[in-house]
């Protein structure tokens, strides 16, 4: 069986937000995924395009391509 439930942490304990349909004593494995808070999403939206107009994208791409062509590794010794 595989399902996803939402839980809340209180005092270091995971508390299910919705009712679980599991028999008492059932052992399960839990994978924890951090769900971003609404305030995180709002901060991201506020910062979106804040660099617009301050960076020349074509120039940045050109510089990245040029830097990839520079070899910093020594030649092989035979």
Protein backbone atom coordinates (compact mmCIF):
# COMPACT_ATOMS: atom_id res chain seq x y z
CA UNK A 1 0.00 0.00 0.00
CA UNK A 2 1.24 3.48 -0.80
CA UNK A 3 -0.42 6.72 0.19
CA UNK A 4 0.42 10.29 1.05
CA UNK A 5 -0.89 12.02 4.14
CA UNK A 6 -0.26 15.44 5.62
CA UNK A 7 1.08 15.69 9.16
CA UNK A 8 1.93 18.49 11.54
CA UNK A 9 4.88 18.48 13.97
CA UNK A 10 4.01 19.28 17.59
CA UNK A 11 6.56 18.84 20.33
CA UNK A 12 8.74 16.71 18.06
CA UNK A 13 5.84 14.32 17.30
CA UNK A 14 4.23 13.85 13.89
CA UNK A 15 0.45 14.23 14.16
CA UNK A 16 -1.69 13.24 11.16
CA UNK A 17 -3.94 16.03 9.93
CA UNK A 18 -6.44 13.61 8.38
CA UNK A 19 -7.75 10.28 9.67
CA UNK A 20 -5.61 7.23 8.94
CA UNK A 21 -7.22 4.04 7.68
CA UNK A 22 -4.67 1.69 9.27
CA UNK A 23 -5.14 -1.09 11.81
CA UNK A 24 -3.77 -0.36 15.28
CA UNK A 25 -0.14 -1.44 15.62
CA UNK A 26 0.64 -1.27 11.89
CA UNK A 27 4.26 -0.31 11.18
CA UNK A 28 4.88 2.06 8.29
CA UNK A 29 7.88 3.77 6.69
CA UNK A 30 7.75 7.53 6.41
CA UNK A 31 9.48 9.78 3.87
CA UNK A 32 9.59 13.40 4.95
CA UNK A 33 9.30 16.10 2.28
CA UNK A 34 9.54 19.69 3.39
CA UNK A 35 6.49 21.56 2.10
CA UNK A 36 7.31 25.24 1.62
CA UNK A 37 5.22 27.61 3.66
CA UNK A 38 3.01 30.14 1.91
CA UNK A 39 5.37 32.89 3.09
CA UNK A 40 8.25 31.13 1.22
CA UNK A 41 6.20 31.11 -1.97
CA UNK A 42 5.27 34.77 -1.46
CA UNK A 43 8.93 35.71 -1.01
CA UNK A 44 9.80 33.85 -4.21
CA UNK A 45 7.03 35.64 -6.13
CA UNK A 46 8.22 39.02 -4.82
CA UNK A 47 11.78 38.34 -5.96
CA UNK A 48 10.68 37.11 -9.39
CA UNK A 49 12.14 39.31 -12.13
CA UNK A 50 13.83 41.59 -9.59
CA UNK A 51 17.05 41.26 -11.63
CA UNK A 52 15.25 42.02 -14.88
CA UNK A 53 16.95 44.81 -16.76
CA UNK A 54 20.10 44.70 -14.61
CA UNK A 55 21.76 41.72 -16.31
CA UNK A 56 22.37 41.25 -20.02
CA UNK A 57 21.34 37.60 -20.47
CA UNK A 58 23.11 37.19 -23.81
CA UNK A 59 26.37 38.50 -22.33
CA UNK A 60 26.02 36.16 -19.34
CA UNK A 61 25.46 33.16 -21.61
CA UNK A 62 28.48 34.13 -23.72
CA UNK A 63 30.71 34.40 -20.63
CA UNK A 64 29.52 31.02 -19.33
CA UNK A 65 30.30 29.37 -22.67
CA UNK A 66 33.74 31.00 -22.78
CA UNK A 67 34.55 29.86 -19.23
CA UNK A 68 33.65 26.27 -20.15
CA UNK A 69 36.24 26.32 -22.92
CA UNK A 70 39.10 27.16 -20.52
CA UNK A 71 40.91 24.01 -19.44
CA UNK A 72 42.31 24.06 -15.91
CA UNK A 73 43.43 20.42 -15.93
CA UNK A 74 47.06 19.63 -16.63
CA UNK A 75 47.80 17.59 -19.72
CA UNK A 76 48.12 13.81 -19.26
CA UNK A 77 51.55 12.40 -18.55
CA UNK A 78 52.42 9.32 -20.58
